[in-house]
Amino acid sequence: MALLIVSVAISALLSQMMSNIDGTAYLRDKTIAQWVALNQLELLYLENAQGNKLVGRERSGKVEMANRQWYWRIKPLPSLAAGFEQIAVSVSTAENDDAPVVTIMGLIDQFHCAKAGCG
């Protein structure tokens, strides 16, 4: 009887440990995907600061981070205010994946001046 109790307890413990490992891997992937998305959004902000232009078209690409390939997609979304554009940056682990790991939103505009003394 004692052996049965111990075996049930060990199976429950092992199941809980596997669940924790899966959760940790999910959080790691979500964190790295968010870093990739934030990097792409920051590159858009820098491009916008230099050219003062909206994105206008969808872009995609891949980048390596943490010894893994990540696929990003930038999708411009219309805004109700003229001169502004919403940006959705999605990151997935596979190319043409319809279920991204993370999607972040940003906003860019055409109403700033990157050069000193232009206003």
PDB file of N, CA and C in Angstrom:
ATOM      1  N   MET A   1       0.823  -1.193   0.000  1.00  0.00           N
ATOM      2  CA  MET A   1       0.000   0.000   0.000  1.00  0.00           C
ATOM      3  C   MET A   1       0.872   1.264   0.000  1.00  0.00           C
ATOM      4  N   ALA A   2       1.923   1.234   0.788  1.00  0.00           N
ATOM      5  CA  ALA A   2       2.822   2.389   0.857  1.00  0.00           C
ATOM      6  C   ALA A   2       3.477   2.640  -0.502  1.00  0.00           C
ATOM      7  N   LEU A   3       3.829   1.567  -1.197  1.00  0.00           N
ATOM      8  CA  LEU A   3       4.445   1.698  -2.512  1.00  0.00           C
ATOM      9  C   LEU A   3       3.480   2.347  -3.513  1.00  0.00           C
ATOM     10  N   LEU A   4       2.201   2.009  -3.428  1.00  0.00           N
ATOM     11  CA  LEU A   4       1.186   2.612  -4.289  1.00  0.00           C
ATOM     12  C   LEU A   4       1.062   4.109  -4.025  1.00  0.00           C
ATOM     13  N   ILE A   5       1.050   4.506  -2.761  1.00  0.00           N
ATOM     14  CA  ILE A   5       0.950   5.921  -2.388  1.00  0.00           C
ATOM     15  C   ILE A   5       2.162   6.696  -2.887  1.00  0.00           C
ATOM     16  N   VAL A   6       3.339   6.136  -2.717  1.00  0.00           N
ATOM     17  CA  VAL A   6       4.572   6.790  -3.171  1.00  0.00           C
ATOM     18  C   VAL A   6       4.569   6.929  -4.691  1.00  0.00           C
ATOM     19  N   SER A   7       4.151   5.892  -5.413  1.00  0.00           N
ATOM     20  CA  SER A   7       4.157   5.966  -6.881  1.00  0.00           C
ATOM     21  C   SER A   7       3.155   7.010  -7.392  1.00  0.00           C
ATOM     22  N   VAL A   8       1.991   7.124  -6.759  1.00  0.00           N
ATOM     23  CA  VAL A   8       1.015   8.148  -7.161  1.00  0.00           C
ATOM     24  C   VAL A   8       1.560   9.542  -6.876  1.00  0.00           C
ATOM     25  N   ALA A   9       2.200   9.718  -5.734  1.00  0.00           N
ATOM     26  CA  ALA A   9       2.767  11.016  -5.370  1.00  0.00           C
ATOM     27  C   ALA A   9       3.884  11.420  -6.329  1.00  0.00           C
ATOM     28  N   ILE A  10       4.732  10.465  -6.690  1.00  0.00           N
ATOM     29  CA  ILE A  10       5.835  10.766  -7.614  1.00  0.00           C
ATOM     30  C   ILE A  10       5.289  11.123  -8.998  1.00  0.00           C
ATOM     31  N   SER A  11       4.238  10.403  -9.460  1.00  0.00           N
ATOM     32  CA  SER A  11       3.652  10.738 -10.768  1.00  0.00           C
ATOM     33  C   SER A  11       3.059  12.136 -10.760  1.00  0.00           C
ATOM     34  N   ALA A  12       2.379  12.513  -9.684  1.00  0.00           N
ATOM     35  CA  ALA A  12       1.802  13.858  -9.601  1.00  0.00           C
ATOM     36  C   ALA A  12       2.907  14.908  -9.580  1.00  0.00           C
ATOM     37  N   LEU A  13       3.968  14.646  -8.854  1.00  0.00           N
ATOM     38  CA  LEU A  13       5.096  15.579  -8.784  1.00  0.00           C
ATOM     39  C   LEU A  13       5.762  15.731 -10.156  1.00  0.00           C
ATOM     40  N   LEU A  14       5.953  14.624 -10.848  1.00  0.00           N
ATOM     41  CA  LEU A  14       6.559  14.663 -12.171  1.00  0.00           C
ATOM     42  C   LEU A  14       5.675  15.437 -13.155  1.00  0.00           C
ATOM     43  N   SER A  15       4.381  15.240 -13.088  1.00  0.00           N
ATOM     44  CA  SER A  15       3.449  15.974 -13.945  1.00  0.00           C
ATOM     45  C   SER A  15       3.519  17.480 -13.678  1.00  0.00           C
ATOM     46  N   GLN A  16       3.590  17.845 -12.416  1.00  0.00           N
ATOM     47  CA  GLN A  16       3.694  19.264 -12.057  1.00  0.00           C
ATOM     48  C   GLN A  16       5.007  19.866 -12.541  1.00  0.00           C
ATOM     49  N   MET A  17       6.090  19.119 -12.434  1.00  0.00           N
ATOM     50  CA  MET A  17       7.387  19.611 -12.909  1.00  0.00           C
ATOM     51  C   MET A  17       7.369  19.827 -14.422  1.00  0.00           C
ATOM     52  N   MET A  18       6.765  18.922 -15.179  1.00  0.00           N
ATOM     53  CA  MET A  18       6.684  19.075 -16.629  1.00  0.00           C
ATOM     54  C   MET A  18       5.842  20.298 -17.001  1.00  0.00           C
ATOM     55  N   SER A  19       4.787  20.528 -16.263  1.00  0.00           N
ATOM     56  CA  SER A  19       3.956  21.704 -16.498  1.00  0.00           C
ATOM     57  C   SER A  19       4.751  22.982 -16.250  1.00  0.00           C
ATOM     58  N   ASN A  20       5.554  23.012 -15.195  1.00  0.00           N
ATOM     59  CA  ASN A  20       6.392  24.180 -14.901  1.00  0.00           C
ATOM     60  C   ASN A  20       7.435  24.404 -15.991  1.00  0.00           C
ATOM     61  N   ILE A  21       8.014  23.334 -16.499  1.00  0.00           N
ATOM     62  CA  ILE A  21       9.016  23.460 -17.561  1.00  0.00           C
ATOM     63  C   ILE A  21       8.370  24.020 -18.825  1.00  0.00           C
ATOM     64  N   ASP A  22       7.181  23.529 -19.180  1.00  0.00           N
ATOM     65  CA  ASP A  22       6.471  24.050 -20.355  1.00  0.00           C
ATOM     66  C   ASP A  22       6.142  25.532 -20.185  1.00  0.00           C
ATOM     67  N   GLY A  23       5.717  25.921 -18.999  1.00  0.00           N
ATOM     68  CA  GLY A  23       5.405  27.324 -18.728  1.00  0.00           C
ATOM     69  C   GLY A  23       6.627  28.209 -18.833  1.00  0.00           C
ATOM     70  N   THR A  24       7.752  27.726 -18.366  1.00  0.00           N
ATOM     71  CA  THR A  24       8.994  28.492 -18.435  1.00  0.00           C
ATOM     72  C   THR A  24       9.435  28.683 -19.882  1.00  0.00           C
ATOM     73  N   ALA A  25       9.339  27.644 -20.695  1.00  0.00           N
ATOM     74  CA  ALA A  25       9.711  27.751 -22.112  1.00  0.00           C
ATOM     75  C   ALA A  25       8.791  28.737 -22.831  1.00  0.00           C
ATOM     76  N   TYR A  26       7.498  28.712 -22.514  1.00  0.00           N
ATOM     77  CA  TYR A  26       6.552  29.644 -23.124  1.00  0.00           C
ATOM     78  C   TYR A  26       6.900  31.085 -22.767  1.00  0.00           C
ATOM     79  N   LEU A  27       7.198  31.334 -21.492  1.00  0.00           N
ATOM     80  CA  LEU A  27       7.550  32.693 -21.065  1.00  0.00           C
ATOM     81  C   LEU A  27       8.858  33.154 -21.695  1.00  0.00           C
ATOM     82  N   ARG A  28       9.825  32.242 -21.834  1.00  0.00           N
ATOM     83  CA  ARG A  28      11.094  32.593 -22.490  1.00  0.00           C
ATOM     84  C   ARG A  28      10.837  33.011 -23.935  1.00  0.00           C
ATOM     85  N   ASP A  29      10.058  32.204 -24.670  1.00  0.00           N
ATOM     86  CA  ASP A  29       9.758  32.524 -26.061  1.00  0.00           C
ATOM     87  C   ASP A  29       8.997  33.839 -26.187  1.00  0.00           C
ATOM     88  N   LYS A  30       8.049  34.063 -25.313  1.00  0.00           N
ATOM     89  CA  LYS A  30       7.260  35.293 -25.358  1.00  0.00           C
ATOM     90  C   LYS A  30       8.143  36.517 -25.069  1.00  0.00           C
ATOM     91  N   THR A  31       9.057  36.390 -24.138  1.00  0.00           N
ATOM     92  CA  THR A  31       9.962  37.495 -23.800  1.00  0.00           C
ATOM     93  C   THR A  31      10.886  37.829 -24.966  1.00  0.00           C
ATOM     94  N   ILE A  32      11.495  36.810 -25.563  1.00  0.00           N
ATOM     95  CA  ILE A  32      12.414  37.046 -26.682  1.00  0.00           C
ATOM     96  C   ILE A  32      11.658  37.609 -27.880  1.00  0.00           C
ATOM     97  N   ALA A  33      10.453  37.090 -28.146  1.00  0.00           N
ATOM     98  CA  ALA A  33       9.643  37.604 -29.257  1.00  0.00           C
ATOM     99  C   ALA A  33       9.289  39.072 -29.031  1.00  0.00           C
ATOM    100  N   GLN A  34       9.024  39.437 -27.788  1.00  0.00           N
ATOM    101  CA  GLN A  34       8.720  40.842 -27.495  1.00  0.00           C
ATOM    102  C   GLN A  34       9.945  41.720 -27.726  1.00  0.00           C
ATOM    103  N   TRP A  35      11.130  41.237 -27.390  1.00  0.00           N
ATOM    104  CA  TRP A  35      12.352  42.002 -27.663  1.00  0.00           C
ATOM    105  C   TRP A  35      12.525  42.213 -29.163  1.00  0.00           C
ATOM    106  N   VAL A  36      12.264  41.170 -29.952  1.00  0.00           N
ATOM    107  CA  VAL A  36      12.375  41.285 -31.410  1.00  0.00           C
ATOM    108  C   VAL A  36      11.390  42.340 -31.924  1.00  0.00           C
ATOM    109  N   ALA A  37      10.147  42.278 -31.452  1.00  0.00           N
ATOM    110  CA  ALA A  37       9.128  43.235 -31.886  1.00  0.00           C
ATOM    111  C   ALA A  37       9.499  44.660 -31.490  1.00  0.00           C
ATOM    112  N   LEU A  38       9.970  44.848 -30.272  1.00  0.00           N
ATOM    113  CA  LEU A  38      10.366  46.185 -29.821  1.00  0.00           C
ATOM    114  C   LEU A  38      11.554  46.717 -30.624  1.00  0.00           C
ATOM    115  N   ASN A  39      12.492  45.839 -30.967  1.00  0.00           N
ATOM    116  CA  ASN A  39      13.624  46.264 -31.808  1.00  0.00           C
ATOM    117  C   ASN A  39      13.143  46.737 -33.175  1.00  0.00           C
ATOM    118  N   GLN A  40      12.223  46.006 -33.792  1.00  0.00           N
ATOM    119  CA  GLN A  40      11.705  46.402 -35.102  1.00  0.00           C
ATOM    120  C   GLN A  40      10.938  47.717 -35.024  1.00  0.00           C
ATOM    121  N   LEU A  41      10.164  47.892 -33.965  1.00  0.00           N
ATOM    122  CA  LEU A  41       9.427  49.145 -33.786  1.00  0.00           C
ATOM    123  C   LEU A  41      10.390  50.312 -33.587  1.00  0.00           C
ATOM    124  N   GLU A  42      11.442  50.094 -32.842  1.00  0.00           N
ATOM    125  CA  GLU A  42      12.431  51.157 -32.639  1.00  0.00           C
ATOM    126  C   GLU A  42      13.141  51.507 -33.945  1.00  0.00           C
ATOM    127  N   LEU A  43      13.439  50.503 -34.774  1.00  0.00           N
ATOM    128  CA  LEU A  43      14.028  50.791 -36.080  1.00  0.00           C
ATOM    129  C   LEU A  43      13.089  51.626 -36.947  1.00  0.00           C
ATOM    130  N   LEU A  44      11.794  51.366 -36.856  1.00  0.00           N
ATOM    131  CA  LEU A  44      10.813  52.188 -37.582  1.00  0.00           C
ATOM    132  C   LEU A  44      10.809  53.622 -37.072  1.00  0.00           C
ATOM    133  N   TYR A  45      10.877  53.780 -35.753  1.00  0.00           N
ATOM    134  CA  TYR A  45      10.915  55.127 -35.178  1.00  0.00           C
ATOM    135  C   TYR A  45      12.143  55.887 -35.666  1.00  0.00           C
ATOM    136  N   LEU A  46      13.294  55.218 -35.714  1.00  0.00           N
ATOM    137  CA  LEU A  46      14.513  55.872 -36.192  1.00  0.00           C
ATOM    138  C   LEU A  46      14.399  56.237 -37.672  1.00  0.00           C
ATOM    139  N   GLU A  47      13.842  55.325 -38.466  1.00  0.00           N
ATOM    140  CA  GLU A  47      13.634  55.601 -39.892  1.00  0.00           C
ATOM    141  C   GLU A  47      12.682  56.775 -40.073  1.00  0.00           C
ATOM    142  N   ASN A  48      11.641  56.822 -39.268  1.00  0.00           N
ATOM    143  CA  ASN A  48      10.667  57.905 -39.338  1.00  0.00           C
ATOM    144  C   ASN A  48      11.296  59.230 -38.918  1.00  0.00           C
ATOM    145  N   ALA A  49      12.167  59.197 -37.926  1.00  0.00           N
ATOM    146  CA  ALA A  49      12.820  60.424 -37.464  1.00  0.00           C
ATOM    147  C   ALA A  49      13.739  61.002 -38.537  1.00  0.00           C
ATOM    148  N   GLN A  50      14.341  60.129 -39.351  1.00  0.00           N
ATOM    149  CA  GLN A  50      15.229  60.614 -40.406  1.00  0.00           C
ATOM    150  C   GLN A  50      14.475  61.095 -41.638  1.00  0.00           C
ATOM    151  N   GLY A  51      13.402  60.384 -42.020  1.00  0.00           N
ATOM    152  CA  GLY A  51      12.727  60.718 -43.258  1.00  0.00           C
ATOM    153  C   GLY A  51      11.370  61.377 -43.084  1.00  0.00           C
ATOM    154  N   ASN A  52      10.832  61.350 -41.855  1.00  0.00           N
ATOM    155  CA  ASN A  52       9.537  61.967 -41.564  1.00  0.00           C
ATOM    156  C   ASN A  52       8.430  61.412 -42.463  1.00  0.00           C
ATOM    157  N   LYS A  53       8.488  60.080 -42.731  1.00  0.00           N
ATOM    158  CA  LYS A  53       7.512  59.441 -43.603  1.00  0.00           C
ATOM    159  C   LYS A  53       6.817  58.310 -42.854  1.00  0.00           C
ATOM    160  N   LEU A  54       5.581  58.039 -43.256  1.00  0.00           N
ATOM    161  CA  LEU A  54       4.838  56.908 -42.713  1.00  0.00           C
ATOM    162  C   LEU A  54       5.297  55.624 -43.406  1.00  0.00           C
ATOM    163  N   VAL A  55       4.973  54.483 -42.818  1.00  0.00           N
ATOM    164  CA  VAL A  55       5.426  53.202 -43.363  1.00  0.00           C
ATOM    165  C   VAL A  55       4.745  52.909 -44.696  1.00  0.00           C
ATOM    166  N   GLY A  56       3.416  52.966 -44.744  1.00  0.00           N
ATOM    167  CA  GLY A  56       2.685  52.841 -45.995  1.00  0.00           C
ATOM    168  C   GLY A  56       2.447  51.440 -46.513  1.00  0.00           C
ATOM    169  N   ARG A  57       3.358  50.514 -46.298  1.00  0.00           N
ATOM    170  CA  ARG A  57       3.188  49.160 -46.828  1.00  0.00           C
ATOM    171  C   ARG A  57       3.661  48.127 -45.797  1.00  0.00           C
ATOM    172  N   GLU A  58       3.166  46.913 -45.962  1.00  0.00           N
ATOM    173  CA  GLU A  58       3.551  45.834 -45.052  1.00  0.00           C
ATOM    174  C   GLU A  58       4.987  45.401 -45.328  1.00  0.00           C
ATOM    175  N   ARG A  59       5.702  45.054 -44.256  1.00  0.00           N
ATOM    176  CA  ARG A  59       7.080  44.582 -44.359  1.00  0.00           C
ATOM    177  C   ARG A  59       7.210  43.307 -43.538  1.00  0.00           C
ATOM    178  N   SER A  60       8.173  42.491 -43.903  1.00  0.00           N
ATOM    179  CA  SER A  60       8.444  41.296 -43.104  1.00  0.00           C
ATOM    180  C   SER A  60       9.911  40.927 -43.246  1.00  0.00           C
ATOM    181  N   GLY A  61      10.371  40.111 -42.329  1.00  0.00           N
ATOM    182  CA  GLY A  61      11.759  39.682 -42.356  1.00  0.00           C
ATOM    183  C   GLY A  61      12.030  38.691 -41.261  1.00  0.00           C
ATOM    184  N   LYS A  62      13.298  38.361 -41.114  1.00  0.00           N
ATOM    185  CA  LYS A  62      13.682  37.447 -40.044  1.00  0.00           C
ATOM    186  C   LYS A  62      14.943  37.957 -39.377  1.00  0.00           C
ATOM    187  N   VAL A  63      15.112  37.557 -38.143  1.00  0.00           N
ATOM    188  CA  VAL A  63      16.270  37.974 -37.361  1.00  0.00           C
ATOM    189  C   VAL A  63      16.627  36.840 -36.410  1.00  0.00           C
ATOM    190  N   GLU A  64      17.905  36.748 -36.082  1.00  0.00           N
ATOM    191  CA  GLU A  64      18.330  35.736 -35.115  1.00  0.00           C
ATOM    192  C   GLU A  64      18.517  36.394 -33.760  1.00  0.00           C
ATOM    193  N   MET A  65      17.915  35.806 -32.756  1.00  0.00           N
ATOM    194  CA  MET A  65      18.089  36.260 -31.385  1.00  0.00           C
ATOM    195  C   MET A  65      18.018  35.043 -30.478  1.00  0.00           C
ATOM    196  N   ALA A  66      18.935  34.962 -29.537  1.00  0.00           N
ATOM    197  CA  ALA A  66      19.018  33.849 -28.588  1.00  0.00           C
ATOM    198  C   ALA A  66      19.172  32.521 -29.336  1.00  0.00           C
ATOM    199  N   ASN A  67      20.033  32.505 -30.351  1.00  0.00           N
ATOM    200  CA  ASN A  67      20.334  31.306 -31.136  1.00  0.00           C
ATOM    201  C   ASN A  67      19.103  30.692 -31.789  1.00  0.00           C
ATOM    202  N   ARG A  68      18.193  31.545 -32.252  1.00  0.00           N
ATOM    203  CA  ARG A  68      16.951  31.071 -32.857  1.00  0.00           C
ATOM    204  C   ARG A  68      16.483  32.077 -33.896  1.00  0.00           C
ATOM    205  N   GLN A  69      15.832  31.599 -34.941  1.00  0.00           N
ATOM    206  CA  GLN A  69      15.280  32.470 -35.971  1.00  0.00           C
ATOM    207  C   GLN A  69      13.891  32.940 -35.556  1.00  0.00           C
ATOM    208  N   TRP A  70      13.661  34.237 -35.692  1.00  0.00           N
ATOM    209  CA  TRP A  70      12.358  34.841 -35.402  1.00  0.00           C
ATOM    210  C   TRP A  70      11.899  35.570 -36.646  1.00  0.00           C
ATOM    211  N   TYR A  71      10.634  35.423 -36.986  1.00  0.00           N
ATOM    212  CA  TYR A  71      10.059  36.045 -38.173  1.00  0.00           C
ATOM    213  C   TYR A  71       9.128  37.168 -37.736  1.00  0.00           C
ATOM    214  N   TRP A  72       9.375  38.371 -38.261  1.00  0.00           N
ATOM    215  CA  TRP A  72       8.570  39.529 -37.874  1.00  0.00           C
ATOM    216  C   TRP A  72       7.791  40.048 -39.080  1.00  0.00           C
ATOM    217  N   ARG A  73       6.678  40.673 -38.778  1.00  0.00           N
ATOM    218  CA  ARG A  73       5.837  41.291 -39.804  1.00  0.00           C
ATOM    219  C   ARG A  73       5.349  42.630 -39.275  1.00  0.00           C
ATOM    220  N   ILE A  74       5.564  43.681 -40.069  1.00  0.00           N
ATOM    221  CA  ILE A  74       5.103  45.022 -39.727  1.00  0.00           C
ATOM    222  C   ILE A  74       3.917  45.337 -40.616  1.00  0.00           C
ATOM    223  N   LYS A  75       2.811  45.648 -39.992  1.00  0.00           N
ATOM    224  CA  LYS A  75       1.591  45.948 -40.751  1.00  0.00           C
ATOM    225  C   LYS A  75       1.100  47.342 -40.374  1.00  0.00           C
ATOM    226  N   PRO A  76       1.113  48.283 -41.325  1.00  0.00           N
ATOM    227  CA  PRO A  76       0.568  49.611 -41.044  1.00  0.00           C
ATOM    228  C   PRO A  76      -0.961  49.554 -41.052  1.00  0.00           C
ATOM    229  N   LEU A  77      -1.555  50.217 -40.083  1.00  0.00           N
ATOM    230  CA  LEU A  77      -3.011  50.270 -39.966  1.00  0.00           C
ATOM    231  C   LEU A  77      -3.461  51.715 -40.077  1.00  0.00           C
ATOM    232  N   PRO A  78      -4.583  51.947 -40.717  1.00  0.00           N
ATOM    233  CA  PRO A  78      -5.043  53.336 -40.867  1.00  0.00           C
ATOM    234  C   PRO A  78      -5.406  53.951 -39.521  1.00  0.00           C
ATOM    235  N   SER A  79      -5.241  55.236 -39.452  1.00  0.00           N
ATOM    236  CA  SER A  79      -5.585  56.000 -38.255  1.00  0.00           C
ATOM    237  C   SER A  79      -6.641  57.028 -38.641  1.00  0.00           C
ATOM    238  N   LEU A  80      -7.448  57.415 -37.692  1.00  0.00           N
ATOM    239  CA  LEU A  80      -8.482  58.416 -37.973  1.00  0.00           C
ATOM    240  C   LEU A  80      -7.893  59.810 -38.154  1.00  0.00           C
ATOM    241  N   ALA A  81      -6.714  60.035 -37.607  1.00  0.00           N
ATOM    242  CA  ALA A  81      -6.069  61.346 -37.707  1.00  0.00           C
ATOM    243  C   ALA A  81      -5.121  61.370 -38.902  1.00  0.00           C
ATOM    244  N   ALA A  82      -5.238  62.386 -39.703  1.00  0.00           N
ATOM    245  CA  ALA A  82      -4.355  62.529 -40.861  1.00  0.00           C
ATOM    246  C   ALA A  82      -2.920  62.724 -40.394  1.00  0.00           C
ATOM    247  N   GLY A  83      -1.992  62.091 -41.093  1.00  0.00           N
ATOM    248  CA  GLY A  83      -0.584  62.221 -40.751  1.00  0.00           C
ATOM    249  C   GLY A  83      -0.114  61.261 -39.685  1.00  0.00           C
ATOM    250  N   PHE A  84      -0.983  60.404 -39.192  1.00  0.00           N
ATOM    251  CA  PHE A  84      -0.626  59.402 -38.197  1.00  0.00           C
ATOM    252  C   PHE A  84      -0.891  58.018 -38.763  1.00  0.00           C
ATOM    253  N   GLU A  85      -0.143  57.039 -38.290  1.00  0.00           N
ATOM    254  CA  GLU A  85      -0.317  55.662 -38.732  1.00  0.00           C
ATOM    255  C   GLU A  85      -0.060  54.729 -37.552  1.00  0.00           C
ATOM    256  N   GLN A  86      -0.977  53.794 -37.348  1.00  0.00           N
ATOM    257  CA  GLN A  86      -0.760  52.771 -36.332  1.00  0.00           C
ATOM    258  C   GLN A  86       0.105  51.676 -36.949  1.00  0.00           C
ATOM    259  N   ILE A  87       0.931  51.081 -36.132  1.00  0.00           N
ATOM    260  CA  ILE A  87       1.826  50.026 -36.596  1.00  0.00           C
ATOM    261  C   ILE A  87       1.620  48.800 -35.713  1.00  0.00           C
ATOM    262  N   ALA A  88       1.372  47.656 -36.342  1.00  0.00           N
ATOM    263  CA  ALA A  88       1.289  46.375 -35.627  1.00  0.00           C
ATOM    264  C   ALA A  88       2.529  45.569 -35.997  1.00  0.00           C
ATOM    265  N   VAL A  89       3.321  45.198 -35.004  1.00  0.00           N
ATOM    266  CA  VAL A  89       4.513  44.383 -35.213  1.00  0.00           C
ATOM    267  C   VAL A  89       4.241  43.020 -34.591  1.00  0.00           C
ATOM    268  N   SER A  90       4.205  41.987 -35.435  1.00  0.00           N
ATOM    269  CA  SER A  90       3.954  40.622 -34.981  1.00  0.00           C
ATOM    270  C   SER A  90       5.217  39.795 -35.156  1.00  0.00           C
ATOM    271  N   VAL A  91       5.479  38.909 -34.201  1.00  0.00           N
ATOM    272  CA  VAL A  91       6.660  38.049 -34.246  1.00  0.00           C
ATOM    273  C   VAL A  91       6.217  36.611 -34.035  1.00  0.00           C
ATOM    274  N   SER A  92       6.731  35.718 -34.884  1.00  0.00           N
ATOM    275  CA  SER A  92       6.411  34.298 -34.767  1.00  0.00           C
ATOM    276  C   SER A  92       7.676  33.467 -34.912  1.00  0.00           C
ATOM    277  N   THR A  93       7.543  32.188 -34.625  1.00  0.00           N
ATOM    278  CA  THR A  93       8.691  31.278 -34.701  1.00  0.00           C
ATOM    279  C   THR A  93       8.806  30.608 -36.061  1.00  0.00           C
ATOM    280  N   ALA A  94       7.775  30.739 -36.898  1.00  0.00           N
ATOM    281  CA  ALA A  94       7.793  30.136 -38.233  1.00  0.00           C
ATOM    282  C   ALA A  94       7.351  31.172 -39.257  1.00  0.00           C
ATOM    283  N   GLU A  95       7.903  31.066 -40.456  1.00  0.00           N
ATOM    284  CA  GLU A  95       7.536  31.982 -41.519  1.00  0.00           C
ATOM    285  C   GLU A  95       6.084  31.735 -41.929  1.00  0.00           C
ATOM    286  N   ASN A  96       5.360  32.803 -42.223  1.00  0.00           N
ATOM    287  CA  ASN A  96       3.941  32.737 -42.610  1.00  0.00           C
ATOM    288  C   ASN A  96       3.073  32.084 -41.542  1.00  0.00           C
ATOM    289  N   ASP A  97       3.402  32.316 -40.289  1.00  0.00           N
ATOM    290  CA  ASP A  97       2.620  31.775 -39.175  1.00  0.00           C
ATOM    291  C   ASP A  97       1.469  32.725 -38.873  1.00  0.00           C
ATOM    292  N   ASP A  98       0.254  32.190 -38.834  1.00  0.00           N
ATOM    293  CA  ASP A  98      -0.920  33.023 -38.564  1.00  0.00           C
ATOM    294  C   ASP A  98      -1.175  33.224 -37.078  1.00  0.00           C
ATOM    295  N   ALA A  99      -0.402  32.558 -36.239  1.00  0.00           N
ATOM    296  CA  ALA A  99      -0.561  32.698 -34.788  1.00  0.00           C
ATOM    297  C   ALA A  99       0.756  33.207 -34.198  1.00  0.00           C
ATOM    298  N   PRO A 100       0.970  34.526 -34.222  1.00  0.00           N
ATOM    299  CA  PRO A 100       2.235  35.057 -33.708  1.00  0.00           C
ATOM    300  C   PRO A 100       2.374  34.843 -32.208  1.00  0.00           C
ATOM    301  N   VAL A 101       3.619  34.783 -31.765  1.00  0.00           N
ATOM    302  CA  VAL A 101       3.907  34.648 -30.337  1.00  0.00           C
ATOM    303  C   VAL A 101       3.532  35.933 -29.622  1.00  0.00           C
ATOM    304  N   VAL A 102       3.808  37.064 -30.269  1.00  0.00           N
ATOM    305  CA  VAL A 102       3.500  38.364 -29.666  1.00  0.00           C
ATOM    306  C   VAL A 102       3.194  39.371 -30.776  1.00  0.00           C
ATOM    307  N   THR A 103       2.320  40.315 -30.475  1.00  0.00           N
ATOM    308  CA  THR A 103       2.030  41.448 -31.360  1.00  0.00           C
ATOM    309  C   THR A 103       2.010  42.707 -30.504  1.00  0.00           C
ATOM    310  N   ILE A 104       2.767  43.707 -30.921  1.00  0.00           N
ATOM    311  CA  ILE A 104       2.758  44.984 -30.211  1.00  0.00           C
ATOM    312  C   ILE A 104       2.300  46.076 -31.179  1.00  0.00           C
ATOM    313  N   MET A 105       1.797  47.144 -30.615  1.00  0.00           N
ATOM    314  CA  MET A 105       1.285  48.265 -31.407  1.00  0.00           C
ATOM    315  C   MET A 105       2.140  49.502 -31.153  1.00  0.00           C
ATOM    316  N   GLY A 106       2.268  50.304 -32.195  1.00  0.00           N
ATOM    317  CA  GLY A 106       2.983  51.567 -32.086  1.00  0.00           C
ATOM    318  C   GLY A 106       2.267  52.625 -32.912  1.00  0.00           C
ATOM    319  N   LEU A 107       2.754  53.836 -32.854  1.00  0.00           N
ATOM    320  CA  LEU A 107       2.157  54.950 -33.582  1.00  0.00           C
ATOM    321  C   LEU A 107       3.272  55.848 -34.095  1.00  0.00           C
ATOM    322  N   ILE A 108       3.209  56.188 -35.375  1.00  0.00           N
ATOM    323  CA  ILE A 108       4.177  57.139 -35.925  1.00  0.00           C
ATOM    324  C   ILE A 108       3.407  58.279 -36.580  1.00  0.00           C
ATOM    325  N   ASP A 109       4.117  59.391 -36.770  1.00  0.00           N
ATOM    326  CA  ASP A 109       3.468  60.573 -37.340  1.00  0.00           C
ATOM    327  C   ASP A 109       4.398  61.249 -38.338  1.00  0.00           C
ATOM    328  N   GLN A 110       3.864  62.276 -38.986  1.00  0.00           N
ATOM    329  CA  GLN A 110       4.644  63.063 -39.949  1.00  0.00           C
ATOM    330  C   GLN A 110       4.858  64.491 -39.455  1.00  0.00           C
ATOM    331  N   PHE A 111       4.708  64.729 -38.180  1.00  0.00           N
ATOM    332  CA  PHE A 111       4.703  66.107 -37.681  1.00  0.00           C
ATOM    333  C   PHE A 111       5.890  66.426 -36.775  1.00  0.00           C
ATOM    334  N   HIS A 112       7.045  65.950 -37.124  1.00  0.00           N
ATOM    335  CA  HIS A 112       8.244  66.327 -36.384  1.00  0.00           C
ATOM    336  C   HIS A 112       9.360  66.592 -37.385  1.00  0.00           C
ATOM    337  N   CYS A 113      10.379  67.179 -36.911  1.00  0.00           N
ATOM    338  CA  CYS A 113      11.467  67.560 -37.800  1.00  0.00           C
ATOM    339  C   CYS A 113      12.764  66.957 -37.286  1.00  0.00           C
ATOM    340  N   ALA A 114      13.427  66.167 -38.106  1.00  0.00           N
ATOM    341  CA  ALA A 114      14.651  65.514 -37.690  1.00  0.00           C
ATOM    342  C   ALA A 114      15.871  66.432 -37.784  1.00  0.00           C
ATOM    343  N   LYS A 115      15.787  67.471 -38.581  1.00  0.00           N
ATOM    344  CA  LYS A 115      16.938  68.360 -38.793  1.00  0.00           C
ATOM    345  C   LYS A 115      16.819  69.586 -37.894  1.00  0.00           C
ATOM    346  N   ALA A 116      17.932  69.994 -37.359  1.00  0.00           N
ATOM    347  CA  ALA A 116      17.947  71.177 -36.489  1.00  0.00           C
ATOM    348  C   ALA A 116      17.644  72.435 -37.299  1.00  0.00           C
ATOM    349  N   GLY A 117      16.805  73.261 -36.726  1.00  0.00           N
ATOM    350  CA  GLY A 117      16.518  74.548 -37.342  1.00  0.00           C
ATOM    351  C   GLY A 117      15.525  74.517 -38.490  1.00  0.00           C
ATOM    352  N   CYS A 118      14.665  73.484 -38.573  1.00  0.00           N
ATOM    353  CA  CYS A 118      13.720  73.430 -39.702  1.00  0.00           C
ATOM    354  C   CYS A 118      12.302  73.765 -39.241  1.00  0.00           C
ATOM    355  N   GLY A 119      12.122  74.693 -38.424  1.00  0.00           N
ATOM    356  CA  GLY A 119      10.753  74.990 -38.051  1.00  0.00           C
ATOM    357  C   GLY A 119      10.653  76.158 -37.237  1.00  0.00           C
TER     358      GLY A 119
END
